[in-house]
Amino acid sequence: MNVIKRILSLIKAGGVFLATLVGVLASTDKPEANDRPQGDGSDLFGEHNFRTGQADSGTDPDGWYEDDM
């Protein structure tokens, strides 16, 4: 009877391990290409100004840019 309990315990532990592994692999970060902000058009351009929330030339004296962080 103890042997059966140990076998079932190992099967259960293996299932928990596999479920955890699948969860970790499924939650990996997405590529950074989709994280870039888009401008008014469909193309990516300029630097993202965190103050205005839009892309511009990167010369706004009051703007917050990625290099400032």
C-alpha atoms as a PDB file:
ATOM      1  CA  MET A   1       0.000   0.000   0.000  1.00  0.00           C
ATOM      2  CA  ASN A   2       2.885   2.396   0.751  1.00  0.00           C
ATOM      3  CA  VAL A   3       4.382   1.734  -2.666  1.00  0.00           C
ATOM      4  CA  ILE A   4       1.148   2.746  -4.385  1.00  0.00           C
ATOM      5  CA  LYS A   5       0.947   5.961  -2.320  1.00  0.00           C
ATOM      6  CA  ARG A   6       4.537   6.831  -3.228  1.00  0.00           C
ATOM      7  CA  ILE A   7       3.922   6.203  -6.914  1.00  0.00           C
ATOM      8  CA  LEU A   8       0.781   8.349  -6.864  1.00  0.00           C
ATOM      9  CA  SER A   9       2.671  11.037  -4.961  1.00  0.00           C
ATOM     10  CA  LEU A  10       5.416  11.068  -7.606  1.00  0.00           C
ATOM     11  CA  ILE A  11       2.851  11.264 -10.413  1.00  0.00           C
ATOM     12  CA  LYS A  12       1.123  14.165  -8.660  1.00  0.00           C
ATOM     13  CA  ALA A  13       4.439  15.990  -8.107  1.00  0.00           C
ATOM     14  CA  GLY A  14       5.329  15.494 -11.775  1.00  0.00           C
ATOM     15  CA  GLY A  15       1.979  16.953 -12.829  1.00  0.00           C
ATOM     16  CA  VAL A  16       2.457  19.989 -10.598  1.00  0.00           C
ATOM     17  CA  PHE A  17       5.966  20.470 -11.985  1.00  0.00           C
ATOM     18  CA  LEU A  18       4.748  20.284 -15.588  1.00  0.00           C
ATOM     19  CA  ALA A  19       1.884  22.696 -14.905  1.00  0.00           C
ATOM     20  CA  THR A  20       4.310  25.168 -13.335  1.00  0.00           C
ATOM     21  CA  LEU A  21       6.722  24.820 -16.241  1.00  0.00           C
ATOM     22  CA  VAL A  22       3.973  25.467 -18.782  1.00  0.00           C
ATOM     23  CA  GLY A  23       2.820  28.507 -16.783  1.00  0.00           C
ATOM     24  CA  VAL A  24       6.310  29.980 -16.693  1.00  0.00           C
ATOM     25  CA  LEU A  25       6.874  29.432 -20.398  1.00  0.00           C
ATOM     26  CA  ALA A  26       3.485  30.913 -21.273  1.00  0.00           C
ATOM     27  CA  SER A  27       4.164  34.086 -19.285  1.00  0.00           C
ATOM     28  CA  THR A  28       7.414  35.066 -20.998  1.00  0.00           C
ATOM     29  CA  ASP A  29       7.722  38.654 -22.206  1.00  0.00           C
ATOM     30  CA  LYS A  30       6.660  39.598 -25.683  1.00  0.00           C
ATOM     31  CA  PRO A  31       9.188  41.046 -28.151  1.00  0.00           C
ATOM     32  CA  GLU A  32      10.105  44.676 -27.592  1.00  0.00           C
ATOM     33  CA  ALA A  33       9.175  45.571 -31.172  1.00  0.00           C
ATOM     34  CA  ASN A  34       5.528  45.879 -30.116  1.00  0.00           C
ATOM     35  CA  ASP A  35       6.389  48.095 -27.132  1.00  0.00           C
ATOM     36  CA  ARG A  36       7.521  51.070 -29.192  1.00  0.00           C
ATOM     37  CA  PRO A  37       5.008  53.940 -29.292  1.00  0.00           C
ATOM     38  CA  GLN A  38       3.477  54.846 -32.623  1.00  0.00           C
ATOM     39  CA  GLY A  39       3.158  58.357 -33.967  1.00  0.00           C
ATOM     40  CA  ASP A  40       0.143  59.918 -35.626  1.00  0.00           C
ATOM     41  CA  GLY A  41       0.735  57.822 -38.769  1.00  0.00           C
ATOM     42  CA  SER A  42       1.221  54.109 -39.036  1.00  0.00           C
ATOM     43  CA  ASP A  43       5.047  54.285 -39.153  1.00  0.00           C
ATOM     44  CA  LEU A  44       7.273  54.503 -36.110  1.00  0.00           C
ATOM     45  CA  PHE A  45       9.284  57.721 -35.985  1.00  0.00           C
ATOM     46  CA  GLY A  46      11.000  60.077 -33.561  1.00  0.00           C
ATOM     47  CA  GLU A  47      11.482  59.767 -29.819  1.00  0.00           C
ATOM     48  CA  HIS A  48       8.603  59.045 -27.455  1.00  0.00           C
ATOM     49  CA  ASN A  49       7.916  62.080 -25.266  1.00  0.00           C
ATOM     50  CA  PHE A  50       6.493  60.783 -21.981  1.00  0.00           C
ATOM     51  CA  ARG A  51       5.221  64.255 -21.044  1.00  0.00           C
ATOM     52  CA  THR A  52       2.961  64.549 -24.095  1.00  0.00           C
ATOM     53  CA  GLY A  53       2.527  60.840 -24.816  1.00  0.00           C
ATOM     54  CA  GLN A  54       3.440  61.326 -28.485  1.00  0.00           C
ATOM     55  CA  ALA A  55       6.500  60.828 -30.644  1.00  0.00           C
ATOM     56  CA  ASP A  56       8.419  63.948 -31.624  1.00  0.00           C
ATOM     57  CA  SER A  57      11.893  65.052 -32.739  1.00  0.00           C
ATOM     58  CA  GLY A  58      13.336  64.752 -29.225  1.00  0.00           C
ATOM     59  CA  THR A  59      14.051  68.471 -28.829  1.00  0.00           C
ATOM     60  CA  ASP A  60      11.235  69.492 -26.445  1.00  0.00           C
ATOM     61  CA  PRO A  61      13.040  71.208 -23.518  1.00  0.00           C
ATOM     62  CA  ASP A  62      10.289  70.179 -21.095  1.00  0.00           C
ATOM     63  CA  GLY A  63       9.876  66.672 -22.525  1.00  0.00           C
ATOM     64  CA  TRP A  64      10.771  63.428 -20.790  1.00  0.00           C
ATOM     65  CA  TYR A  65      12.549  61.000 -23.060  1.00  0.00           C
ATOM     66  CA  GLU A  66      13.770  57.437 -22.580  1.00  0.00           C
ATOM     67  CA  ASP A  67      17.389  58.636 -22.201  1.00  0.00           C
ATOM     68  CA  ASP A  68      16.362  60.737 -19.192  1.00  0.00           C
ATOM     69  CA  MET A  69      15.174  57.721 -17.224  1.00  0.00           C
END
